[in-house]
Amino acid sequence: MGCLCLVCALEKLHYYLDGSVLEVITDFDAVKSLLNMKTPNRHMLKWKIVIQEYRGNIIKVQKAGNIHKNNDGLSRCTLPITPDNPSYVPTSAEPQIPI
């Protein structure tokens, strides 16, 4: 997922990023394995080419995934699930009112 995010950002913002030095803060394991892959499939090969265009301009700041405080913010909800929480999903034990 980290590779896809990086590739999408580079493709979408390439007009603004061309010639700039980029500081990418990630755990970089996925990007490293992608760049060192011997025989990537066609999707991975496309990603590899996009990242290699910026290879000299990317400053890699490696940070372990468990140290990131903002990773997976959408998938890791810290709010308790309660009736007053909008993400509340009623269980089958609760009475249902037909609409």
PDB file of N, CA and C in Angstrom:
ATOM      1  N   MET A   1       0.819  -1.183   0.000  1.00  0.00           N
ATOM      2  CA  MET A   1       0.000   0.000   0.000  1.00  0.00           C
ATOM      3  C   MET A   1       0.872   1.260   0.000  1.00  0.00           C
ATOM      4  N   GLY A   2       1.998   1.190   0.700  1.00  0.00           N
ATOM      5  CA  GLY A   2       2.888   2.343   0.733  1.00  0.00           C
ATOM      6  C   GLY A   2       3.450   2.674  -0.635  1.00  0.00           C
ATOM      7  N   CYS A   3       3.758   1.635  -1.411  1.00  0.00           N
ATOM      8  CA  CYS A   3       4.266   1.862  -2.768  1.00  0.00           C
ATOM      9  C   CYS A   3       3.207   2.516  -3.636  1.00  0.00           C
ATOM     10  N   LEU A   4       1.989   2.032  -3.544  1.00  0.00           N
ATOM     11  CA  LEU A   4       0.914   2.586  -4.359  1.00  0.00           C
ATOM     12  C   LEU A   4       0.660   4.049  -4.014  1.00  0.00           C
ATOM     13  N   CYS A   5       0.691   4.383  -2.740  1.00  0.00           N
ATOM     14  CA  CYS A   5       0.495   5.783  -2.332  1.00  0.00           C
ATOM     15  C   CYS A   5       1.603   6.670  -2.883  1.00  0.00           C
ATOM     16  N   LEU A   6       2.830   6.200  -2.792  1.00  0.00           N
ATOM     17  CA  LEU A   6       3.963   6.974  -3.301  1.00  0.00           C
ATOM     18  C   LEU A   6       3.857   7.158  -4.809  1.00  0.00           C
ATOM     19  N   VAL A   7       3.527   6.085  -5.524  1.00  0.00           N
ATOM     20  CA  VAL A   7       3.414   6.155  -6.982  1.00  0.00           C
ATOM     21  C   VAL A   7       2.276   7.087  -7.394  1.00  0.00           C
ATOM     22  N   CYS A   8       1.133   6.982  -6.734  1.00  0.00           N
ATOM     23  CA  CYS A   8      -0.006   7.861  -7.064  1.00  0.00           C
ATOM     24  C   CYS A   8       0.345   9.325  -6.825  1.00  0.00           C
ATOM     25  N   ALA A   9       1.023   9.598  -5.721  1.00  0.00           N
ATOM     26  CA  ALA A   9       1.413  10.982  -5.427  1.00  0.00           C
ATOM     27  C   ALA A   9       2.407  11.499  -6.463  1.00  0.00           C
ATOM     28  N   LEU A  10       3.376  10.670  -6.843  1.00  0.00           N
ATOM     29  CA  LEU A  10       4.366  11.097  -7.832  1.00  0.00           C
ATOM     30  C   LEU A  10       3.723  11.335  -9.194  1.00  0.00           C
ATOM     31  N   GLU A  11       2.782  10.464  -9.578  1.00  0.00           N
ATOM     32  CA  GLU A  11       2.118  10.635 -10.871  1.00  0.00           C
ATOM     33  C   GLU A  11       1.199  11.857 -10.874  1.00  0.00           C
ATOM     34  N   LYS A  12       0.458  12.040  -9.817  1.00  0.00           N
ATOM     35  CA  LYS A  12      -0.528  13.126  -9.755  1.00  0.00           C
ATOM     36  C   LYS A  12       0.144  14.498  -9.645  1.00  0.00           C
ATOM     37  N   LEU A  13       1.240  14.569  -8.907  1.00  0.00           N
ATOM     38  CA  LEU A  13       1.873  15.857  -8.612  1.00  0.00           C
ATOM     39  C   LEU A  13       3.189  16.070  -9.359  1.00  0.00           C
ATOM     40  N   HIS A  14       3.424  15.306 -10.432  1.00  0.00           N
ATOM     41  CA  HIS A  14       4.734  15.379 -11.080  1.00  0.00           C
ATOM     42  C   HIS A  14       5.041  16.760 -11.647  1.00  0.00           C
ATOM     43  N   TYR A  15       4.030  17.542 -12.002  1.00  0.00           N
ATOM     44  CA  TYR A  15       4.291  18.901 -12.500  1.00  0.00           C
ATOM     45  C   TYR A  15       4.901  19.782 -11.411  1.00  0.00           C
ATOM     46  N   TYR A  16       4.490  19.550 -10.183  1.00  0.00           N
ATOM     47  CA  TYR A  16       4.987  20.345  -9.060  1.00  0.00           C
ATOM     48  C   TYR A  16       6.286  19.786  -8.489  1.00  0.00           C
ATOM     49  N   LEU A  17       6.493  18.479  -8.637  1.00  0.00           N
ATOM     50  CA  LEU A  17       7.626  17.820  -7.998  1.00  0.00           C
ATOM     51  C   LEU A  17       8.860  17.723  -8.884  1.00  0.00           C
ATOM     52  N   ASP A  18       8.717  17.933 -10.169  1.00  0.00           N
ATOM     53  CA  ASP A  18       9.835  17.757 -11.092  1.00  0.00           C
ATOM     54  C   ASP A  18      10.982  18.693 -10.730  1.00  0.00           C
ATOM     55  N   GLY A  19      12.131  18.129 -10.451  1.00  0.00           N
ATOM     56  CA  GLY A  19      13.315  18.898 -10.097  1.00  0.00           C
ATOM     57  C   GLY A  19      13.420  19.235  -8.628  1.00  0.00           C
ATOM     58  N   SER A  20      12.402  18.912  -7.845  1.00  0.00           N
ATOM     59  CA  SER A  20      12.424  19.204  -6.409  1.00  0.00           C
ATOM     60  C   SER A  20      13.019  18.039  -5.637  1.00  0.00           C
ATOM     61  N   VAL A  21      13.534  18.347  -4.476  1.00  0.00           N
ATOM     62  CA  VAL A  21      14.005  17.303  -3.569  1.00  0.00           C
ATOM     63  C   VAL A  21      12.830  16.921  -2.683  1.00  0.00           C
ATOM     64  N   LEU A  22      12.520  15.635  -2.636  1.00  0.00           N
ATOM     65  CA  LEU A  22      11.364  15.146  -1.894  1.00  0.00           C
ATOM     66  C   LEU A  22      11.819  14.427  -0.638  1.00  0.00           C
ATOM     67  N   GLU A  23      11.146  14.687   0.456  1.00  0.00           N
ATOM     68  CA  GLU A  23      11.410  13.962   1.693  1.00  0.00           C
ATOM     69  C   GLU A  23      10.236  13.021   1.917  1.00  0.00           C
ATOM     70  N   VAL A  24      10.495  11.731   1.799  1.00  0.00           N
ATOM     71  CA  VAL A  24       9.452  10.724   1.936  1.00  0.00           C
ATOM     72  C   VAL A  24       9.653  10.018   3.269  1.00  0.00           C
ATOM     73  N   ILE A  25       8.652  10.131   4.145  1.00  0.00           N
ATOM     74  CA  ILE A  25       8.732   9.497   5.458  1.00  0.00           C
ATOM     75  C   ILE A  25       7.852   8.257   5.424  1.00  0.00           C
ATOM     76  N   THR A  26       8.465   7.099   5.473  1.00  0.00           N
ATOM     77  CA  THR A  26       7.751   5.829   5.422  1.00  0.00           C
ATOM     78  C   THR A  26       8.641   4.753   6.024  1.00  0.00           C
ATOM     79  N   ASP A  27       8.108   3.548   6.170  1.00  0.00           N
ATOM     80  CA  ASP A  27       8.949   2.467   6.667  1.00  0.00           C
ATOM     81  C   ASP A  27       9.841   1.916   5.551  1.00  0.00           C
ATOM     82  N   PHE A  28       9.532   2.216   4.313  1.00  0.00           N
ATOM     83  CA  PHE A  28      10.346   1.969   3.120  1.00  0.00           C
ATOM     84  C   PHE A  28      10.670   0.518   2.845  1.00  0.00           C
ATOM     85  N   ASP A  29      10.169  -0.426   3.629  1.00  0.00           N
ATOM     86  CA  ASP A  29      10.435  -1.827   3.326  1.00  0.00           C
ATOM     87  C   ASP A  29       9.800  -2.227   2.002  1.00  0.00           C
ATOM     88  N   ALA A  30       8.578  -1.773   1.767  1.00  0.00           N
ATOM     89  CA  ALA A  30       7.887  -2.118   0.524  1.00  0.00           C
ATOM     90  C   ALA A  30       8.568  -1.473  -0.679  1.00  0.00           C
ATOM     91  N   VAL A  31       9.001  -0.231  -0.538  1.00  0.00           N
ATOM     92  CA  VAL A  31       9.661   0.466  -1.649  1.00  0.00           C
ATOM     93  C   VAL A  31      11.014  -0.175  -1.942  1.00  0.00           C
ATOM     94  N   LYS A  32      11.748  -0.524  -0.881  1.00  0.00           N
ATOM     95  CA  LYS A  32      13.041  -1.187  -1.080  1.00  0.00           C
ATOM     96  C   LYS A  32      12.877  -2.518  -1.792  1.00  0.00           C
ATOM     97  N   SER A  33      11.894  -3.302  -1.361  1.00  0.00           N
ATOM     98  CA  SER A  33      11.694  -4.606  -1.996  1.00  0.00           C
ATOM     99  C   SER A  33      11.232  -4.441  -3.442  1.00  0.00           C
ATOM    100  N   LEU A  34      10.452  -3.402  -3.728  1.00  0.00           N
ATOM    101  CA  LEU A  34      10.030  -3.148  -5.107  1.00  0.00           C
ATOM    102  C   LEU A  34      11.224  -2.790  -5.978  1.00  0.00           C
ATOM    103  N   LEU A  35      12.094  -1.915  -5.499  1.00  0.00           N
ATOM    104  CA  LEU A  35      13.240  -1.487  -6.301  1.00  0.00           C
ATOM    105  C   LEU A  35      14.270  -2.595  -6.470  1.00  0.00           C
ATOM    106  N   ASN A  36      14.332  -3.544  -5.541  1.00  0.00           N
ATOM    107  CA  ASN A  36      15.294  -4.642  -5.631  1.00  0.00           C
ATOM    108  C   ASN A  36      14.708  -5.888  -6.278  1.00  0.00           C
ATOM    109  N   MET A  37      13.457  -5.849  -6.708  1.00  0.00           N
ATOM    110  CA  MET A  37      12.783  -7.001  -7.294  1.00  0.00           C
ATOM    111  C   MET A  37      13.421  -7.355  -8.638  1.00  0.00           C
ATOM    112  N   LYS A  38      13.746  -8.633  -8.817  1.00  0.00           N
ATOM    113  CA  LYS A  38      14.404  -9.076 -10.058  1.00  0.00           C
ATOM    114  C   LYS A  38      13.427  -9.173 -11.226  1.00  0.00           C
ATOM    115  N   THR A  39      12.282  -9.817 -11.024  1.00  0.00           N
ATOM    116  CA  THR A  39      11.311  -9.985 -12.103  1.00  0.00           C
ATOM    117  C   THR A  39       9.933  -9.525 -11.633  1.00  0.00           C
ATOM    118  N   PRO A  40       9.684  -8.215 -11.646  1.00  0.00           N
ATOM    119  CA  PRO A  40       8.371  -7.721 -11.213  1.00  0.00           C
ATOM    120  C   PRO A  40       7.302  -7.983 -12.269  1.00  0.00           C
ATOM    121  N   ASN A  41       6.054  -8.104 -11.826  1.00  0.00           N
ATOM    122  CA  ASN A  41       4.960  -8.226 -12.795  1.00  0.00           C
ATOM    123  C   ASN A  41       4.736  -6.860 -13.441  1.00  0.00           C
ATOM    124  N   ARG A  42       3.787  -6.778 -14.351  1.00  0.00           N
ATOM    125  CA  ARG A  42       3.659  -5.538 -15.135  1.00  0.00           C
ATOM    126  C   ARG A  42       3.240  -4.339 -14.291  1.00  0.00           C
ATOM    127  N   HIS A  43       2.415  -4.562 -13.261  1.00  0.00           N
ATOM    128  CA  HIS A  43       2.011  -3.449 -12.403  1.00  0.00           C
ATOM    129  C   HIS A  43       3.195  -2.958 -11.568  1.00  0.00           C
ATOM    130  N   MET A  44       3.922  -3.895 -11.000  1.00  0.00           N
ATOM    131  CA  MET A  44       5.081  -3.533 -10.180  1.00  0.00           C
ATOM    132  C   MET A  44       6.160  -2.879 -11.033  1.00  0.00           C
ATOM    133  N   LEU A  45       6.302  -3.325 -12.268  1.00  0.00           N
ATOM    134  CA  LEU A  45       7.290  -2.730 -13.165  1.00  0.00           C
ATOM    135  C   LEU A  45       6.942  -1.268 -13.448  1.00  0.00           C
ATOM    136  N   LYS A  46       5.654  -0.985 -13.641  1.00  0.00           N
ATOM    137  CA  LYS A  46       5.220   0.405 -13.861  1.00  0.00           C
ATOM    138  C   LYS A  46       5.535   1.256 -12.637  1.00  0.00           C
ATOM    139  N   TRP A  47       5.243   0.732 -11.446  1.00  0.00           N
ATOM    140  CA  TRP A  47       5.532   1.460 -10.207  1.00  0.00           C
ATOM    141  C   TRP A  47       7.028   1.710 -10.076  1.00  0.00           C
ATOM    142  N   LYS A  48       7.807   0.677 -10.405  1.00  0.00           N
ATOM    143  CA  LYS A  48       9.269   0.781 -10.291  1.00  0.00           C
ATOM    144  C   LYS A  48       9.802   1.888 -11.205  1.00  0.00           C
ATOM    145  N   ILE A  49       9.281   1.970 -12.413  1.00  0.00           N
ATOM    146  CA  ILE A  49       9.722   2.997 -13.362  1.00  0.00           C
ATOM    147  C   ILE A  49       9.364   4.393 -12.858  1.00  0.00           C
ATOM    148  N   VAL A  50       8.158   4.552 -12.309  1.00  0.00           N
ATOM    149  CA  VAL A  50       7.731   5.862 -11.793  1.00  0.00           C
ATOM    150  C   VAL A  50       8.631   6.301 -10.645  1.00  0.00           C
ATOM    151  N   ILE A  51       8.934   5.388  -9.726  1.00  0.00           N
ATOM    152  CA  ILE A  51       9.774   5.738  -8.571  1.00  0.00           C
ATOM    153  C   ILE A  51      11.205   6.014  -9.009  1.00  0.00           C
ATOM    154  N   GLN A  52      11.714   5.264  -9.998  1.00  0.00           N
ATOM    155  CA  GLN A  52      13.090   5.458 -10.442  1.00  0.00           C
ATOM    156  C   GLN A  52      13.299   6.805 -11.120  1.00  0.00           C
ATOM    157  N   GLU A  53      12.248   7.403 -11.669  1.00  0.00           N
ATOM    158  CA  GLU A  53      12.384   8.736 -12.264  1.00  0.00           C
ATOM    159  C   GLU A  53      12.790   9.770 -11.220  1.00  0.00           C
ATOM    160  N   TYR A  54      12.398   9.554  -9.975  1.00  0.00           N
ATOM    161  CA  TYR A  54      12.681  10.498  -8.887  1.00  0.00           C
ATOM    162  C   TYR A  54      13.764   9.982  -7.948  1.00  0.00           C
ATOM    163  N   ARG A  55      14.437   8.912  -8.309  1.00  0.00           N
ATOM    164  CA  ARG A  55      15.360   8.244  -7.393  1.00  0.00           C
ATOM    165  C   ARG A  55      16.443   9.169  -6.857  1.00  0.00           C
ATOM    166  N   GLY A  56      16.975  10.058  -7.665  1.00  0.00           N
ATOM    167  CA  GLY A  56      18.011  10.971  -7.207  1.00  0.00           C
ATOM    168  C   GLY A  56      17.486  12.124  -6.376  1.00  0.00           C
ATOM    169  N   ASN A  57      16.187  12.375  -6.444  1.00  0.00           N
ATOM    170  CA  ASN A  57      15.596  13.517  -5.750  1.00  0.00           C
ATOM    171  C   ASN A  57      14.848  13.144  -4.481  1.00  0.00           C
ATOM    172  N   ILE A  58      14.790  11.873  -4.139  1.00  0.00           N
ATOM    173  CA  ILE A  58      14.033  11.444  -2.961  1.00  0.00           C
ATOM    174  C   ILE A  58      14.981  11.265  -1.786  1.00  0.00           C
ATOM    175  N   ILE A  59      14.687  11.971  -0.705  1.00  0.00           N
ATOM    176  CA  ILE A  59      15.393  11.751   0.555  1.00  0.00           C
ATOM    177  C   ILE A  59      14.521  10.797   1.355  1.00  0.00           C
ATOM    178  N   LYS A  60      15.046   9.626   1.635  1.00  0.00           N
ATOM    179  CA  LYS A  60      14.270   8.609   2.336  1.00  0.00           C
ATOM    180  C   LYS A  60      14.475   8.757   3.831  1.00  0.00           C
ATOM    181  N   VAL A  61      13.409   9.004   4.532  1.00  0.00           N
ATOM    182  CA  VAL A  61      13.443   9.042   5.988  1.00  0.00           C
ATOM    183  C   VAL A  61      12.742   7.782   6.450  1.00  0.00           C
ATOM    184  N   GLN A  62      13.536   6.841   6.946  1.00  0.00           N
ATOM    185  CA  GLN A  62      12.959   5.564   7.349  1.00  0.00           C
ATOM    186  C   GLN A  62      12.441   5.656   8.773  1.00  0.00           C
ATOM    187  N   LYS A  63      11.207   5.249   8.951  1.00  0.00           N
ATOM    188  CA  LYS A  63      10.556   5.294  10.248  1.00  0.00           C
ATOM    189  C   LYS A  63       9.722   4.029  10.375  1.00  0.00           C
ATOM    190  N   ALA A  64       9.919   3.289  11.428  1.00  0.00           N
ATOM    191  CA  ALA A  64       9.198   2.028  11.603  1.00  0.00           C
ATOM    192  C   ALA A  64       7.695   2.268  11.624  1.00  0.00           C
ATOM    193  N   GLY A  65       6.939   1.325  11.084  1.00  0.00           N
ATOM    194  CA  GLY A  65       5.494   1.473  10.991  1.00  0.00           C
ATOM    195  C   GLY A  65       4.810   1.619  12.329  1.00  0.00           C
ATOM    196  N   ASN A  66       5.341   0.972  13.374  1.00  0.00           N
ATOM    197  CA  ASN A  66       4.685   1.075  14.683  1.00  0.00           C
ATOM    198  C   ASN A  66       4.974   2.405  15.370  1.00  0.00           C
ATOM    199  N   ILE A  67       5.914   3.194  14.855  1.00  0.00           N
ATOM    200  CA  ILE A  67       6.212   4.516  15.420  1.00  0.00           C
ATOM    201  C   ILE A  67       5.310   5.585  14.804  1.00  0.00           C
ATOM    202  N   HIS A  68       4.860   5.359  13.568  1.00  0.00           N
ATOM    203  CA  HIS A  68       3.968   6.321  12.912  1.00  0.00           C
ATOM    204  C   HIS A  68       2.702   6.477  13.733  1.00  0.00           C
ATOM    205  N   LYS A  69       2.322   7.697  13.994  1.00  0.00           N
ATOM    206  CA  LYS A  69       1.088   7.958  14.735  1.00  0.00           C
ATOM    207  C   LYS A  69      -0.088   8.219  13.798  1.00  0.00           C
ATOM    208  N   ASN A  70       0.174   8.441  12.514  1.00  0.00           N
ATOM    209  CA  ASN A  70      -0.902   8.786  11.585  1.00  0.00           C
ATOM    210  C   ASN A  70      -1.155   7.705  10.539  1.00  0.00           C
ATOM    211  N   ASN A  71      -0.633   6.509  10.735  1.00  0.00           N
ATOM    212  CA  ASN A  71      -0.832   5.478   9.724  1.00  0.00           C
ATOM    213  C   ASN A  71      -2.201   4.829   9.863  1.00  0.00           C
ATOM    214  N   ASP A  72      -2.790   4.505   8.776  1.00  0.00           N
ATOM    215  CA  ASP A  72      -4.083   3.826   8.720  1.00  0.00           C
ATOM    216  C   ASP A  72      -5.134   4.512   9.574  1.00  0.00           C
ATOM    217  N   GLY A  73      -5.207   5.805   9.518  1.00  0.00           N
ATOM    218  CA  GLY A  73      -6.172   6.545  10.323  1.00  0.00           C
ATOM    219  C   GLY A  73      -7.609   6.178  10.016  1.00  0.00           C
ATOM    220  N   LEU A  74      -7.881   5.820   8.776  1.00  0.00           N
ATOM    221  CA  LEU A  74      -9.251   5.474   8.428  1.00  0.00           C
ATOM    222  C   LEU A  74      -9.615   4.057   8.850  1.00  0.00           C
ATOM    223  N   SER A  75      -8.642   3.170   8.870  1.00  0.00           N
ATOM    224  CA  SER A  75      -8.968   1.781   9.185  1.00  0.00           C
ATOM    225  C   SER A  75      -8.807   1.443  10.659  1.00  0.00           C
ATOM    226  N   ARG A  76      -8.164   2.293  11.423  1.00  0.00           N
ATOM    227  CA  ARG A  76      -7.958   2.019  12.847  1.00  0.00           C
ATOM    228  C   ARG A  76      -8.710   3.049  13.678  1.00  0.00           C
ATOM    229  N   CYS A  77      -9.979   2.821  13.856  1.00  0.00           N
ATOM    230  CA  CYS A  77     -10.821   3.747  14.611  1.00  0.00           C
ATOM    231  C   CYS A  77     -10.588   3.526  16.101  1.00  0.00           C
ATOM    232  N   THR A  78     -10.220   4.572  16.814  1.00  0.00           N
ATOM    233  CA  THR A  78      -9.964   4.447  18.248  1.00  0.00           C
ATOM    234  C   THR A  78     -11.190   4.786  19.075  1.00  0.00           C
ATOM    235  N   LEU A  79     -12.259   5.236  18.436  1.00  0.00           N
ATOM    236  CA  LEU A  79     -13.473   5.583  19.164  1.00  0.00           C
ATOM    237  C   LEU A  79     -14.231   4.320  19.544  1.00  0.00           C
ATOM    238  N   PRO A  80     -14.787   4.284  20.735  1.00  0.00           N
ATOM    239  CA  PRO A  80     -15.596   3.115  21.099  1.00  0.00           C
ATOM    240  C   PRO A  80     -16.896   3.108  20.300  1.00  0.00           C
ATOM    241  N   ILE A  81     -17.376   1.927  20.028  1.00  0.00           N
ATOM    242  CA  ILE A  81     -18.625   1.807  19.289  1.00  0.00           C
ATOM    243  C   ILE A  81     -19.770   1.864  20.292  1.00  0.00           C
ATOM    244  N   THR A  82     -20.504   2.956  20.277  1.00  0.00           N
ATOM    245  CA  THR A  82     -21.633   3.177  21.184  1.00  0.00           C
ATOM    246  C   THR A  82     -22.820   3.682  20.374  1.00  0.00           C
ATOM    247  N   PRO A  83     -24.028   3.657  20.953  1.00  0.00           N
ATOM    248  CA  PRO A  83     -25.196   4.132  20.193  1.00  0.00           C
ATOM    249  C   PRO A  83     -25.095   5.588  19.745  1.00  0.00           C
ATOM    250  N   ASP A  84     -24.387   6.441  20.496  1.00  0.00           N
ATOM    251  CA  ASP A  84     -24.283   7.839  20.080  1.00  0.00           C
ATOM    252  C   ASP A  84     -23.131   8.085  19.113  1.00  0.00           C
ATOM    253  N   ASN A  85     -22.352   7.052  18.806  1.00  0.00           N
ATOM    254  CA  ASN A  85     -21.268   7.150  17.832  1.00  0.00           C
ATOM    255  C   ASN A  85     -21.857   6.881  16.445  1.00  0.00           C
ATOM    256  N   PRO A  86     -21.573   7.699  15.438  1.00  0.00           N
ATOM    257  CA  PRO A  86     -22.164   7.494  14.112  1.00  0.00           C
ATOM    258  C   PRO A  86     -21.765   6.182  13.450  1.00  0.00           C
ATOM    259  N   SER A  87     -20.661   5.577  13.860  1.00  0.00           N
ATOM    260  CA  SER A  87     -20.256   4.310  13.254  1.00  0.00           C
ATOM    261  C   SER A  87     -20.861   3.117  13.981  1.00  0.00           C
ATOM    262  N   TYR A  88     -21.838   3.367  14.815  1.00  0.00           N
ATOM    263  CA  TYR A  88     -22.472   2.316  15.600  1.00  0.00           C
ATOM    264  C   TYR A  88     -23.246   1.364  14.693  1.00  0.00           C
ATOM    265  N   VAL A  89     -23.026   0.073  14.887  1.00  0.00           N
ATOM    266  CA  VAL A  89     -23.745  -0.955  14.146  1.00  0.00           C
ATOM    267  C   VAL A  89     -24.533  -1.774  15.155  1.00  0.00           C
ATOM    268  N   PRO A  90     -25.858  -1.758  15.099  1.00  0.00           N
ATOM    269  CA  PRO A  90     -26.633  -2.503  16.089  1.00  0.00           C
ATOM    270  C   PRO A  90     -26.471  -4.005  15.912  1.00  0.00           C
ATOM    271  N   THR A  91     -26.510  -4.721  17.014  1.00  0.00           N
ATOM    272  CA  THR A  91     -26.420  -6.182  16.967  1.00  0.00           C
ATOM    273  C   THR A  91     -27.809  -6.754  16.791  1.00  0.00           C
ATOM    274  N   SER A  92     -27.884  -8.033  16.494  1.00  0.00           N
ATOM    275  CA  SER A  92     -29.186  -8.665  16.268  1.00  0.00           C
ATOM    276  C   SER A  92     -29.973  -8.806  17.567  1.00  0.00           C
ATOM    277  N   ALA A  93     -29.326  -8.715  18.747  1.00  0.00           N
ATOM    278  CA  ALA A  93     -30.016  -8.840  20.024  1.00  0.00           C
ATOM    279  C   ALA A  93     -30.858  -7.609  20.331  1.00  0.00           C
ATOM    280  N   GLU A  94     -30.550  -6.486  19.723  1.00  0.00           N
ATOM    281  CA  GLU A  94     -31.301  -5.266  19.970  1.00  0.00           C
ATOM    282  C   GLU A  94     -32.572  -5.265  19.126  1.00  0.00           C
ATOM    283  N   PRO A  95     -33.636  -4.709  19.664  1.00  0.00           N
ATOM    284  CA  PRO A  95     -34.884  -4.676  18.879  1.00  0.00           C
ATOM    285  C   PRO A  95     -34.729  -3.783  17.652  1.00  0.00           C
ATOM    286  N   GLN A  96     -35.237  -4.257  16.537  1.00  0.00           N
ATOM    287  CA  GLN A  96     -35.171  -3.514  15.284  1.00  0.00           C
ATOM    288  C   GLN A  96     -36.543  -2.940  14.972  1.00  0.00           C
ATOM    289  N   ILE A  97     -36.585  -1.708  14.551  1.00  0.00           N
ATOM    290  CA  ILE A  97     -37.837  -1.073  14.162  1.00  0.00           C
ATOM    291  C   ILE A  97     -37.925  -1.126  12.644  1.00  0.00           C
ATOM    292  N   PRO A  98     -38.921  -1.807  12.095  1.00  0.00           N
ATOM    293  CA  PRO A  98     -39.025  -1.873  10.626  1.00  0.00           C
ATOM    294  C   PRO A  98     -39.374  -0.508  10.039  1.00  0.00           C
ATOM    295  N   ILE A  99     -38.820  -0.243   8.898  1.00  0.00           N
ATOM    296  CA  ILE A  99     -39.057   1.043   8.233  1.00  0.00           C
ATOM    297  C   ILE A  99     -40.094   0.871   7.151  1.00  0.00           C
TER     298      ILE A  99
END
